[in-house]
Amino acid sequence: MTSIPLFIVILCVIILVHEFGHFGAAKLFKMNVYQFNLGMGPILWKKQHKETQYALRLLPIGGSCMLGEDDSFDIDPSEEEIVAKLMRADDEFLRNNPDYDVLSKGAKKRLDSREFRNKPVWQRIIVIAGGAILNVVLGFILCVILNIASPIASMEIGRFTQDAVSNSGASALQINDRILSVNGMTIISADEIHYKMDNSLTKRSDDTVLTTTVVGFRANSVSNRGENPLMESDRIIGVNGVTVTDVSEILNNVEIPPLYVDEFFAYYRLVVERDSQPIILENVRFAAHISVCRKAFLDSKKQPVRNENNEILFCGKSVFDEQNPEHFGNERMFCEEDSCGKPTLDDDDNKIYTRDFNTVNDFALYDFVVVRDGEKLELNGVRASLQFDARGEPRINDRGGLSYTRDFVPWAAKKNFANIMEYSFRDVVGKGRIIWLSLIDIVNGTYGINDLSGPVGIAGVVNTVAEQAVDFKQLILSVLQISAFITVNLGIVNLLPIPALDGARILFLTAEGIRRKPLNVNTEAVIHFVGFALLMLLIIVVTFNDVRKLIFGG
């Protein structure tokens, strides 16, 4: 994997920032810091400076800032009187006091004003939360950089893609609509629109039947051409003499092969119900899926042209907006489409033919709330079309459900200091909410253990991004986008009240503040140890799954 060094750098920077959050807060409150570790496992390098040992460890999957929070304060009963006498003495007095020199380590820690456990509860909470807070701050800084270097996606619709369906029907979206919510979820950032549409349990246009009724055709369709074309409202009831009730039975079905094929088409005899009458359609064509090698539009500096979502525009996509020339610039860009011209094959080396018509089940309905011309509108039943694979069959998303297409593109917000700050804040909040909703999905069983990814899985994502990047700028922007999500994720997850994580320590400290009495140190240490052991077990299981996916797929 060529991007392993890049992934290690990303992870180390994020971990370093997290641990520095603890370290910086501890130093701010003049606390002892005994160890500052980057990584876990055997020590590769270390250096002692004052009371702190700085170390680089073998495995870049974590880090630690050891404050002595779990150290024992147990003392010999014979030391109780001396400790009580010296309890409020300052550090200089203690260093010059002969009674102090003979005390045990636990007794000296109890007297040390710089010890973590001797500091006020509110200071300790800030120190423990410092790592997560700095991770979120890093996420905000990365979002600022991204919004400076690339277009800022607003929540206003700028244009619709080819074959868009959300701009048609009774509840149609329009250009310049500002999206307020999707399926009851208030939208804070543009990322949340895609997340909500792809993760909602949406209403299908027809939940009762797997209909074979044609409701429209896709771009470059061929089945609606020729001497016996398919037509809208036709209900397909037979293919090559076999009765069908499910749209998936029509094409690429080994039990119903085509009548004959040529270089690019497969031909079928269809029986359809049209105007309540059965009609036989001879030689209806369906095209083979053709692999296309696309070239990107290049500007005058020979750099790929991007849209406001930082997506590279390839041949066949318009990059000129007649009404709003400033949207993409006022130059027309041209390049030749470089087609491989080879049909896509399945695992058995058979050509894959594309279903080029839609049925009512190819759409989902979403409830949008938008602002249009200054008025708030509720649009119930905005249509979205399925994402299709090479066969023309629906793609399955990470939830095991169907994936639907966001067929509109937001305007790029005007770049100024206020907008950069506002949208960067929105991006961080949006990422945080997506992470939180994903955690809820894990708890309620929507996602299982096989859906989680650890360091190996994240490395795979970074590698994919590195391979798909067409230039250095896209690589850097994509890596920054991934890094922003990871660092915000680390900050939020660390605040969960799970033993061994910062959130559990904050919970124990809060209880101590309410009770005005610390919990039993040994009991708390055991709880965190068990939590850490379970966390390590989870990391091992997730890493095993990541390796399995890389080797076998899935």
Protein backbone atom coordinates (compact mmCIF):
# COMPACT_ATOMS: atom_id res chain seq x y z
CA MET A 1 0.00 0.00 0.00
CA THR A 2 1.74 3.11 -1.30
CA SER A 3 0.01 5.55 1.04
CA ILE A 4 0.97 3.92 4.36
CA PRO A 5 3.50 6.67 5.19
CA LEU A 6 0.85 9.31 4.45
CA PHE A 7 -1.65 7.53 6.70
CA ILE A 8 0.90 7.23 9.53
CA VAL A 9 1.65 10.96 9.30
CA ILE A 10 -2.07 11.81 9.46
CA LEU A 11 -2.68 9.54 12.45
CA CYS A 12 0.42 10.73 14.31
CA VAL A 13 -0.48 14.41 13.86
CA ILE A 14 -4.05 13.84 15.11
CA ILE A 15 -2.85 11.80 18.11
CA LEU A 16 -0.12 14.32 18.87
CA VAL A 17 -2.67 17.15 18.89
CA HIS A 18 -4.94 15.15 21.21
CA GLU A 19 -2.22 14.37 23.71
CA PHE A 20 -0.91 17.93 23.54
CA GLY A 21 -4.40 19.06 24.58
CA HIS A 22 -3.97 17.16 27.84
CA PHE A 23 -0.32 18.20 28.16
CA GLY A 24 -0.94 21.91 27.51
CA ALA A 25 -3.87 22.11 29.94
CA ALA A 26 -1.84 20.27 32.61
CA LYS A 27 1.08 22.68 32.22
CA LEU A 28 -1.34 25.62 32.30
CA PHE A 29 -2.50 24.51 35.75
CA LYS A 30 1.07 23.62 36.82
CA MET A 31 0.47 19.89 37.10
CA ASN A 32 3.08 17.14 36.98
CA VAL A 33 3.24 15.29 33.64
CA TYR A 34 5.22 12.04 34.02
CA GLN A 35 4.99 10.66 30.47
CA PHE A 36 4.12 11.99 27.02
CA ASN A 37 3.83 9.06 24.60
CA LEU A 38 3.16 9.08 20.87
CA GLY A 39 2.06 5.58 19.89
CA MET A 40 1.66 2.41 21.91
CA GLY A 41 3.79 -0.67 22.59
CA PRO A 42 7.59 -0.93 22.84
CA ILE A 43 9.59 2.31 23.12
CA LEU A 44 11.58 3.29 20.03
CA TRP A 45 12.97 6.56 21.42
CA LYS A 46 12.72 8.44 24.72
CA LYS A 47 14.06 11.54 26.41
CA GLN A 48 13.73 12.72 30.01
CA HIS A 49 13.19 16.43 30.67
CA LYS A 50 12.48 17.45 34.25
CA GLU A 51 9.70 15.20 35.54
CA THR A 52 8.46 14.25 32.04
CA GLN A 53 9.60 11.34 29.89
CA TYR A 54 8.89 11.94 26.19
CA ALA A 55 8.66 8.71 24.17
CA LEU A 56 7.97 7.49 20.64
CA ARG A 57 6.45 4.00 20.61
CA LEU A 58 6.15 1.33 17.92
CA LEU A 59 2.43 1.26 17.10
CA PRO A 60 0.88 4.53 15.78
CA ILE A 61 -2.62 3.64 17.00
CA GLY A 62 -2.80 5.81 20.10
CA GLY A 63 -0.89 7.85 22.63
CA SER A 64 -0.92 8.85 26.26
CA CYS A 65 -0.19 11.70 28.60
CA MET A 66 0.51 10.20 32.04
CA LEU A 67 -0.48 12.58 34.83
CA GLY A 68 -0.26 10.13 37.73
CA GLU A 69 -4.03 10.16 38.10
CA ASP A 70 -4.08 6.45 38.98
CA ASP A 71 -1.01 6.48 41.26
CA SER A 72 -1.46 5.33 44.83
CA PHE A 73 -1.49 7.88 47.67
CA ASP A 74 -1.28 5.13 50.29
CA ILE A 75 1.01 5.97 53.20
CA ASP A 76 2.34 4.20 56.29
CA PRO A 77 0.29 4.98 59.44
CA SER A 78 3.46 6.31 61.05
CA GLU A 79 3.59 9.04 58.41
CA GLU A 80 0.06 10.35 59.04
CA GLU A 81 1.15 12.87 61.68
CA ILE A 82 4.04 14.25 59.58
CA VAL A 83 1.82 14.53 56.47
CA ALA A 84 -0.86 16.32 58.46
CA LYS A 85 1.73 18.79 59.81
CA LEU A 86 3.18 19.50 56.34
CA MET A 87 -0.09 19.43 54.41
CA ARG A 88 -0.35 23.19 53.74
CA ALA A 89 3.37 23.90 53.45
CA ASP A 90 4.66 25.34 50.18
CA ASP A 91 7.04 23.41 47.90
CA GLU A 92 10.17 25.32 48.94
CA PHE A 93 9.51 24.65 52.63
CA LEU A 94 9.03 20.94 51.92
CA ARG A 95 12.26 20.64 49.97
CA ASN A 96 14.20 22.11 52.92
CA ASN A 97 12.42 20.10 55.60
CA PRO A 98 14.31 16.98 56.85
CA ASP A 99 11.01 15.25 57.75
CA TYR A 100 9.95 15.42 54.09
CA ASP A 101 13.06 13.61 52.85
CA VAL A 102 12.27 10.40 54.75
CA LEU A 103 8.64 10.15 53.61
CA SER A 104 7.47 7.41 51.24
CA LYS A 105 6.59 8.08 47.61
CA GLY A 106 2.86 7.99 48.35
CA ALA A 107 3.24 10.50 51.19
CA LYS A 108 5.26 12.88 49.00
CA LYS A 109 2.62 12.69 46.27
CA ARG A 110 -0.09 13.53 48.80
CA LEU A 111 1.86 16.68 49.75
CA ASP A 112 2.82 17.70 46.19
CA SER A 113 0.64 20.65 45.11
CA ARG A 114 1.41 19.83 41.46
CA GLU A 115 -0.10 16.34 41.64
CA PHE A 116 -3.18 15.84 39.44
CA ARG A 117 -5.31 14.55 42.32
CA ASN A 118 -4.42 17.53 44.51
CA LYS A 119 -5.83 20.02 42.00
CA PRO A 120 -9.44 21.33 42.06
CA VAL A 121 -11.99 19.13 40.28
CA TRP A 122 -12.77 21.79 37.64
CA GLN A 123 -9.11 21.99 36.65
CA ARG A 124 -8.86 18.22 36.36
CA ILE A 125 -11.97 18.10 34.15
CA ILE A 126 -10.47 20.72 31.81
CA VAL A 127 -7.22 18.75 31.58
CA ILE A 128 -9.02 15.49 30.78
CA ALA A 129 -11.29 17.21 28.22
CA GLY A 130 -8.36 19.13 26.71
CA GLY A 131 -7.45 16.40 24.22
CA ALA A 132 -10.93 16.14 22.75
CA ILE A 133 -11.33 19.92 22.67
CA LEU A 134 -8.07 20.36 20.76
CA ASN A 135 -9.11 17.63 18.29
CA VAL A 136 -12.28 19.55 17.50
CA VAL A 137 -10.26 22.77 17.20
CA LEU A 138 -7.94 21.00 14.74
CA GLY A 139 -11.00 19.87 12.78
CA PHE A 140 -12.18 23.50 12.58
CA ILE A 141 -8.74 24.67 11.39
CA LEU A 142 -8.70 21.99 8.69
CA CYS A 143 -12.20 23.02 7.57
CA VAL A 144 -11.03 26.64 7.36
CA ILE A 145 -8.13 25.55 5.13
CA LEU A 146 -10.49 23.49 2.95
CA ASN A 147 -12.94 26.36 2.57
CA ILE A 148 -10.12 28.74 1.64
CA ALA A 149 -8.61 26.33 -0.91
CA SER A 150 -11.84 25.05 -2.49
CA PRO A 151 -15.40 26.27 -3.17
CA ILE A 152 -17.69 26.56 -0.13
CA ALA A 153 -20.80 24.43 -0.60
CA SER A 154 -23.87 26.32 0.60
CA MET A 155 -27.34 24.91 1.32
CA GLU A 156 -28.85 26.67 -1.73
CA ILE A 157 -29.49 24.66 -4.88
CA GLY A 158 -27.34 25.92 -7.76
CA ARG A 159 -28.15 23.43 -10.51
CA PHE A 160 -29.55 19.99 -11.22
CA THR A 161 -27.64 17.08 -12.71
CA GLN A 162 -28.50 15.24 -15.88
CA ASP A 163 -31.51 12.92 -15.39
CA ALA A 164 -32.53 14.82 -12.24
CA VAL A 165 -35.94 13.90 -10.83
CA SER A 166 -36.06 16.04 -7.67
CA ASN A 167 -37.00 19.06 -9.82
CA SER A 168 -40.11 17.38 -11.23
CA GLY A 169 -43.49 16.37 -9.87
CA ALA A 170 -45.87 18.02 -7.44
CA SER A 171 -43.15 18.55 -4.81
CA ALA A 172 -40.34 19.82 -7.00
CA LEU A 173 -37.18 21.49 -5.83
CA GLN A 174 -36.09 24.63 -7.67
CA ILE A 175 -32.82 26.46 -8.26
CA ASN A 176 -32.06 28.90 -5.41
CA ASP A 177 -34.14 26.90 -2.89
CA ARG A 178 -32.37 27.07 0.48
CA ILE A 179 -32.68 23.69 2.22
CA LEU A 180 -33.63 23.90 5.89
CA SER A 181 -34.38 20.25 6.68
CA VAL A 182 -34.59 16.76 5.18
CA ASN A 183 -36.97 14.19 6.68
CA GLY A 184 -37.30 16.26 9.86
CA MET A 185 -33.54 16.78 10.40
CA THR A 186 -32.42 20.41 10.40
CA ILE A 187 -29.56 20.79 7.94
CA ILE A 188 -26.46 22.58 9.21
CA SER A 189 -23.95 21.73 6.47
CA ALA A 190 -24.12 20.49 2.88
CA ASP A 191 -22.58 17.15 3.93
CA GLU A 192 -25.65 16.41 6.04
CA ILE A 193 -27.95 16.57 3.01
CA HIS A 194 -26.16 13.64 1.40
CA TYR A 195 -25.89 11.78 4.73
CA LYS A 196 -29.60 12.15 5.51
CA MET A 197 -30.73 11.15 2.02
CA ASP A 198 -28.49 8.09 1.98
CA ASN A 199 -29.24 7.01 5.54
CA SER A 200 -32.95 7.72 5.95
CA LEU A 201 -35.41 4.87 5.94
CA THR A 202 -37.22 6.54 3.07
CA LYS A 203 -40.72 6.06 1.74
CA ARG A 204 -40.73 4.30 -1.61
CA SER A 205 -43.07 5.51 -4.32
CA ASP A 206 -44.80 2.14 -4.08
CA ASP A 207 -44.19 -0.06 -1.05
CA THR A 208 -46.58 -2.85 -1.99
CA VAL A 209 -45.33 -4.38 -5.24
CA LEU A 210 -42.13 -4.92 -7.16
CA THR A 211 -43.66 -3.31 -10.20
CA THR A 212 -42.45 -3.80 -13.78
CA THR A 213 -44.35 -0.75 -15.05
CA VAL A 214 -42.20 1.70 -17.01
CA VAL A 215 -42.44 5.28 -15.70
CA GLY A 216 -39.58 6.87 -17.63
CA PHE A 217 -36.34 6.33 -19.50
CA ARG A 218 -32.75 7.19 -18.63
CA ALA A 219 -30.31 9.21 -20.69
CA ASN A 220 -29.15 7.50 -23.91
CA SER A 221 -31.78 4.78 -23.59
CA VAL A 222 -32.31 2.46 -26.59
CA SER A 223 -35.22 0.25 -25.50
CA ASN A 224 -37.63 3.10 -26.39
CA ARG A 225 -36.35 3.29 -29.96
CA GLY A 226 -36.74 1.15 -33.05
CA GLU A 227 -39.73 -0.48 -34.71
CA ASN A 228 -41.23 -1.87 -31.48
CA PRO A 229 -40.20 0.50 -28.69
CA LEU A 230 -41.10 0.33 -25.04
CA MET A 231 -43.30 3.22 -23.95
CA GLU A 232 -44.05 4.92 -20.67
CA SER A 233 -46.85 3.17 -18.72
CA ASP A 234 -46.05 -0.20 -20.33
CA ARG A 235 -46.18 -2.99 -17.74
CA ILE A 236 -43.77 -5.77 -18.70
CA ILE A 237 -45.42 -9.15 -18.05
CA GLY A 238 -43.26 -11.51 -20.14
CA VAL A 239 -39.72 -11.86 -21.47
CA ASN A 240 -38.91 -14.41 -24.20
CA GLY A 241 -42.00 -16.41 -23.32
CA VAL A 242 -41.36 -16.41 -19.53
CA THR A 243 -43.74 -14.58 -17.19
CA VAL A 244 -41.98 -11.98 -14.99
CA THR A 245 -43.20 -10.12 -11.90
CA ASP A 246 -39.95 -8.50 -10.74
CA VAL A 247 -37.92 -5.97 -12.68
CA SER A 248 -34.70 -7.80 -11.72
CA GLU A 249 -35.83 -10.82 -13.78
CA ILE A 250 -35.84 -8.94 -17.08
CA LEU A 251 -32.12 -8.50 -17.83
CA ASN A 252 -28.93 -10.41 -17.02
CA ASN A 253 -31.02 -13.39 -15.96
CA VAL A 254 -29.32 -16.73 -16.75
CA GLU A 255 -32.74 -18.40 -16.86
CA ILE A 256 -33.97 -15.94 -19.52
CA PRO A 257 -31.12 -15.41 -22.01
CA PRO A 258 -31.56 -12.89 -24.87
CA LEU A 259 -32.88 -14.11 -28.20
CA TYR A 260 -29.63 -13.04 -29.81
CA VAL A 261 -26.85 -10.49 -29.35
CA ASP A 262 -24.54 -8.43 -31.53
CA GLU A 263 -21.46 -6.43 -30.63
CA PHE A 264 -23.23 -3.91 -28.37
CA PHE A 265 -26.88 -4.97 -27.95
CA ALA A 266 -29.00 -7.80 -26.64
CA TYR A 267 -32.46 -8.41 -28.17
CA TYR A 268 -35.57 -9.61 -26.32
CA ARG A 269 -39.20 -10.41 -27.11
CA LEU A 270 -41.28 -8.56 -24.52
CA VAL A 271 -44.93 -8.93 -23.69
CA VAL A 272 -46.32 -5.72 -22.20
CA GLU A 273 -49.67 -4.56 -20.98
CA ARG A 274 -50.51 -1.30 -22.79
CA ASP A 275 -53.91 0.38 -22.40
CA SER A 276 -55.11 -2.80 -20.65
CA GLN A 277 -54.22 -4.92 -23.69
CA PRO A 278 -51.32 -7.40 -24.03
CA ILE A 279 -48.91 -6.47 -26.83
CA ILE A 280 -45.89 -8.39 -28.13
CA LEU A 281 -42.78 -6.28 -28.82
CA GLU A 282 -40.23 -8.06 -31.01
CA ASN A 283 -36.50 -7.32 -30.88
CA VAL A 284 -36.46 -4.76 -28.07
CA ARG A 285 -32.82 -3.67 -27.66
CA PHE A 286 -30.83 -3.19 -24.49
CA ALA A 287 -27.29 -1.84 -24.69
CA ALA A 288 -24.20 -3.44 -23.22
CA HIS A 289 -22.54 -1.38 -20.50
CA ILE A 290 -19.42 0.17 -22.04
CA SER A 291 -16.33 0.98 -19.98
CA VAL A 292 -15.32 4.57 -20.64
CA CYS A 293 -11.94 6.15 -19.89
CA ARG A 294 -12.84 9.78 -19.30
CA LYS A 295 -10.58 12.78 -19.56
CA ALA A 296 -10.96 15.75 -17.27
CA PHE A 297 -11.64 19.26 -18.52
CA LEU A 298 -8.44 21.28 -18.27
CA ASP A 299 -8.15 25.01 -17.75
CA SER A 300 -5.58 27.32 -19.32
CA LYS A 301 -3.02 26.13 -16.76
CA LYS A 302 -3.67 22.48 -17.69
CA GLN A 303 -5.30 21.86 -14.30
CA PRO A 304 -8.59 19.91 -13.94
CA VAL A 305 -11.71 22.09 -13.75
CA ARG A 306 -13.79 21.49 -10.62
CA ASN A 307 -17.36 22.28 -9.64
CA GLU A 308 -18.43 23.89 -6.38
CA ASN A 309 -18.30 20.50 -4.61
CA ASN A 310 -14.63 20.14 -5.60
CA GLU A 311 -15.58 17.33 -8.00
CA ILE A 312 -13.52 17.11 -11.16
CA LEU A 313 -15.57 17.73 -14.30
CA PHE A 314 -15.09 15.16 -17.05
CA CYS A 315 -15.93 15.23 -20.73
CA GLY A 316 -19.64 15.16 -21.37
CA LYS A 317 -20.46 17.50 -18.47
CA SER A 318 -21.17 21.14 -19.09
CA VAL A 319 -18.88 23.56 -17.34
CA PHE A 320 -20.54 26.72 -18.63
CA ASP A 321 -23.63 28.35 -17.12
CA GLU A 322 -25.12 30.84 -19.60
CA GLN A 323 -27.20 32.65 -16.95
CA ASN A 324 -24.51 32.66 -14.28
CA PRO A 325 -21.14 32.68 -16.07
CA GLU A 326 -19.33 33.49 -12.83
CA HIS A 327 -20.41 30.12 -11.50
CA PHE A 328 -17.77 28.23 -13.46
CA GLY A 329 -15.97 31.12 -15.14
CA ASN A 330 -16.70 32.56 -18.55
CA GLU A 331 -14.66 30.17 -20.69
CA ARG A 332 -15.94 27.12 -22.48
CA MET A 333 -13.73 24.10 -21.87
CA PHE A 334 -13.41 21.27 -24.38
CA CYS A 335 -11.66 17.94 -24.52
CA GLU A 336 -12.08 14.69 -26.38
CA GLU A 337 -13.79 11.75 -24.73
CA ASP A 338 -11.41 8.82 -24.64
CA SER A 339 -13.59 5.68 -24.64
CA CYS A 340 -12.15 2.29 -23.95
CA GLY A 341 -15.04 0.99 -26.04
CA LYS A 342 -15.11 -2.39 -24.33
CA PRO A 343 -18.27 -3.93 -22.88
CA THR A 344 -18.27 -4.60 -19.12
CA LEU A 345 -18.22 -8.32 -18.28
CA ASP A 346 -19.56 -10.22 -15.29
CA ASP A 347 -17.65 -12.86 -13.32
CA ASP A 348 -18.45 -15.44 -16.00
CA ASP A 349 -17.19 -13.17 -18.81
CA ASN A 350 -20.72 -12.48 -20.05
CA LYS A 351 -21.61 -8.99 -21.23
CA ILE A 352 -23.64 -6.93 -18.79
CA TYR A 353 -26.68 -5.20 -20.30
CA THR A 354 -28.12 -2.05 -18.80
CA ARG A 355 -31.77 -1.58 -17.82
CA ASP A 356 -32.38 1.86 -19.30
CA PHE A 357 -35.92 2.46 -18.02
CA ASN A 358 -37.24 3.34 -14.57
CA THR A 359 -40.08 1.84 -12.60
CA VAL A 360 -41.97 3.48 -9.77
CA ASN A 361 -39.81 1.51 -7.31
CA ASP A 362 -36.69 3.25 -8.60
CA PHE A 363 -37.60 6.35 -6.63
CA ALA A 364 -37.75 7.32 -2.98
CA LEU A 365 -39.73 10.19 -1.47
CA TYR A 366 -38.21 12.68 0.95
CA ASP A 367 -39.76 15.48 2.97
CA PHE A 368 -37.91 18.77 2.45
CA VAL A 369 -38.40 22.16 4.08
CA VAL A 370 -36.96 24.97 1.97
CA VAL A 371 -36.97 28.75 1.75
CA ARG A 372 -38.15 29.93 -1.68
CA ASP A 373 -38.47 33.61 -2.54
CA GLY A 374 -38.41 34.46 1.15
CA GLU A 375 -41.17 32.00 2.07
CA LYS A 376 -40.81 28.77 4.03
CA LEU A 377 -42.25 25.81 2.11
CA GLU A 378 -42.84 22.19 3.07
CA LEU A 379 -42.25 19.86 0.13
CA ASN A 380 -43.50 16.41 1.05
CA GLY A 381 -42.58 13.70 -1.43
CA VAL A 382 -39.52 15.12 -3.22
CA ARG A 383 -38.36 12.37 -5.55
CA ALA A 384 -34.87 10.90 -5.63
CA SER A 385 -33.74 8.18 -8.01
CA LEU A 386 -31.82 5.06 -7.16
CA GLN A 387 -28.12 4.75 -7.79
CA PHE A 388 -27.55 1.97 -10.31
CA ASP A 389 -24.64 -0.36 -11.06
CA ALA A 390 -23.42 -1.40 -14.49
CA ARG A 391 -26.34 -3.80 -14.86
CA GLY A 392 -28.78 -1.01 -14.20
CA GLU A 393 -29.67 -2.59 -10.87
CA PRO A 394 -29.88 -0.70 -7.54
CA ARG A 395 -26.72 -0.16 -5.49
CA ILE A 396 -26.77 -1.28 -1.86
CA ASN A 397 -25.52 1.23 0.73
CA ASP A 398 -23.61 0.62 3.97
CA ARG A 399 -26.86 0.11 5.88
CA GLY A 400 -27.85 -2.75 3.60
CA GLY A 401 -30.52 -0.54 2.03
CA LEU A 402 -30.85 1.11 -1.35
CA SER A 403 -28.72 4.12 -2.26
CA TYR A 404 -30.45 7.15 -3.75
CA THR A 405 -28.89 9.96 -5.74
CA ARG A 406 -28.64 13.58 -4.66
CA ASP A 407 -29.26 15.01 -8.11
CA PHE A 408 -28.77 18.68 -7.25
CA VAL A 409 -25.60 20.67 -6.65
CA PRO A 410 -25.43 23.59 -4.19
CA TRP A 411 -24.21 27.04 -5.09
CA ALA A 412 -20.75 28.00 -3.97
CA ALA A 413 -21.04 30.56 -1.16
CA LYS A 414 -19.23 33.86 -1.61
CA LYS A 415 -15.76 33.74 -0.11
CA ASN A 416 -15.15 36.26 2.63
CA PHE A 417 -13.90 36.00 6.20
CA ALA A 418 -17.38 35.76 7.72
CA ASN A 419 -18.54 32.99 5.36
CA ILE A 420 -15.33 31.00 5.73
CA MET A 421 -15.67 31.08 9.52
CA GLU A 422 -19.41 30.36 9.46
CA TYR A 423 -19.26 27.44 7.03
CA SER A 424 -16.17 25.98 8.73
CA PHE A 425 -18.09 26.00 12.01
CA ARG A 426 -21.09 24.45 10.25
CA ASP A 427 -18.85 21.76 8.74
CA VAL A 428 -17.43 20.79 12.14
CA VAL A 429 -20.88 20.70 13.76
CA GLY A 430 -22.21 18.71 10.80
CA LYS A 431 -19.39 16.16 11.01
CA GLY A 432 -19.92 15.88 14.76
CA ARG A 433 -23.63 15.25 14.32
CA ILE A 434 -23.05 12.63 11.61
CA ILE A 435 -20.62 10.86 13.95
CA TRP A 436 -23.11 11.03 16.82
CA LEU A 437 -25.94 9.67 14.63
CA SER A 438 -23.66 6.87 13.44
CA LEU A 439 -22.89 5.95 17.07
CA ILE A 440 -26.64 5.78 17.74
CA ASP A 441 -26.97 3.49 14.70
CA ILE A 442 -24.31 1.20 16.18
CA VAL A 443 -26.16 1.05 19.51
CA ASN A 444 -29.54 0.31 17.92
CA GLY A 445 -28.05 -2.39 15.70
CA THR A 446 -28.21 -0.65 12.32
CA TYR A 447 -24.46 -1.14 11.99
CA GLY A 448 -22.66 -4.24 13.28
CA ILE A 449 -19.09 -5.06 14.18
CA ASN A 450 -18.32 -5.80 10.51
CA ASP A 451 -19.24 -2.23 9.57
CA LEU A 452 -16.62 -0.68 11.87
CA SER A 453 -13.20 0.33 10.58
CA GLY A 454 -9.96 0.72 12.51
CA PRO A 455 -6.52 1.95 11.50
CA VAL A 456 -6.15 -0.62 8.70
CA GLY A 457 -9.54 0.27 7.24
CA ILE A 458 -8.78 4.00 7.41
CA ALA A 459 -5.43 3.32 5.73
CA GLY A 460 -7.36 1.60 2.94
CA VAL A 461 -9.55 4.69 2.48
CA VAL A 462 -6.47 6.94 2.37
CA ASN A 463 -4.89 4.62 -0.20
CA THR A 464 -8.02 4.73 -2.37
CA VAL A 465 -8.04 8.53 -2.20
CA ALA A 466 -4.35 8.65 -3.13
CA GLU A 467 -4.90 6.37 -6.13
CA GLN A 468 -7.92 8.31 -7.40
CA ALA A 469 -6.36 11.76 -7.05
CA VAL A 470 -5.65 13.20 -10.49
CA ASP A 471 -3.29 15.86 -9.19
CA PHE A 472 -1.42 16.86 -6.07
CA LYS A 473 -3.98 19.50 -5.08
CA GLN A 474 -6.84 17.01 -5.09
CA LEU A 475 -4.76 14.58 -3.04
CA ILE A 476 -4.03 17.20 -0.38
CA LEU A 477 -7.64 18.43 -0.23
CA SER A 478 -8.98 14.87 0.03
CA VAL A 479 -6.49 13.99 2.76
CA LEU A 480 -7.42 17.15 4.67
CA GLN A 481 -11.11 16.22 4.36
CA ILE A 482 -10.46 12.74 5.76
CA SER A 483 -8.24 14.17 8.50
CA ALA A 484 -10.92 16.66 9.55
CA PHE A 485 -13.45 13.86 9.92
CA ILE A 486 -11.03 11.59 11.82
CA THR A 487 -9.95 14.29 14.30
CA VAL A 488 -13.53 15.36 15.05
CA ASN A 489 -14.46 11.68 15.39
CA LEU A 490 -11.58 11.11 17.84
CA GLY A 491 -12.66 14.10 19.92
CA ILE A 492 -16.30 13.03 20.15
CA VAL A 493 -15.65 9.32 20.76
CA ASN A 494 -13.15 10.15 23.51
CA LEU A 495 -15.83 12.06 25.39
CA LEU A 496 -18.13 9.02 25.55
CA PRO A 497 -18.59 7.77 29.15
CA ILE A 498 -16.85 4.47 28.42
CA PRO A 499 -14.18 3.16 30.83
CA ALA A 500 -10.62 3.91 29.65
CA LEU A 501 -11.86 6.88 27.59
CA ASP A 502 -11.71 10.51 28.69
CA GLY A 503 -15.49 10.69 29.00
CA ALA A 504 -15.53 8.12 31.80
CA ARG A 505 -12.85 10.02 33.73
CA ILE A 506 -14.85 13.23 33.37
CA LEU A 507 -17.91 11.35 34.66
CA PHE A 508 -16.00 10.13 37.73
CA LEU A 509 -14.62 13.62 38.38
CA THR A 510 -18.12 15.09 38.09
CA ALA A 511 -19.34 12.54 40.65
CA GLU A 512 -16.44 13.51 42.90
CA GLY A 513 -17.38 17.18 42.62
CA ILE A 514 -21.00 16.45 43.53
CA ARG A 515 -20.12 14.09 46.40
CA ARG A 516 -17.20 16.29 47.55
CA LYS A 517 -15.34 13.05 48.00
CA PRO A 518 -13.18 11.11 45.49
CA LEU A 519 -14.12 7.62 44.41
CA ASN A 520 -11.94 4.75 45.57
CA VAL A 521 -8.75 4.99 43.52
CA ASN A 522 -8.29 1.23 43.24
CA THR A 523 -11.88 0.68 42.16
CA GLU A 524 -11.63 3.37 39.48
CA ALA A 525 -8.30 1.95 38.28
CA VAL A 526 -9.83 -1.54 37.91
CA ILE A 527 -12.79 -0.12 35.94
CA HIS A 528 -10.48 1.71 33.55
CA PHE A 529 -8.23 -1.36 33.20
CA VAL A 530 -11.17 -3.57 32.25
CA GLY A 531 -12.37 -0.91 29.82
CA PHE A 532 -8.91 -0.64 28.28
CA ALA A 533 -8.67 -4.43 27.88
CA LEU A 534 -12.07 -4.53 26.15
CA LEU A 535 -11.05 -1.60 23.95
CA MET A 536 -7.88 -3.44 22.89
CA LEU A 537 -9.96 -6.53 22.14
CA LEU A 538 -12.31 -4.43 19.99
CA ILE A 539 -9.32 -2.96 18.12
CA ILE A 540 -7.98 -6.47 17.44
CA VAL A 541 -11.37 -7.69 16.14
CA VAL A 542 -11.89 -4.59 13.97
CA THR A 543 -8.33 -4.81 12.61
CA PHE A 544 -8.88 -8.50 11.76
CA ASN A 545 -12.06 -7.55 9.88
CA ASP A 546 -10.25 -4.73 8.07
CA VAL A 547 -7.51 -7.12 6.92
CA ARG A 548 -10.12 -9.68 5.85
CA LYS A 549 -11.96 -7.04 3.80
CA LEU A 550 -8.72 -5.94 2.12
CA ILE A 551 -7.86 -9.53 1.17
CA PHE A 552 -11.26 -11.00 0.34
CA GLY A 553 -13.34 -7.86 -0.25
CA GLY A 554 -16.69 -6.98 1.30
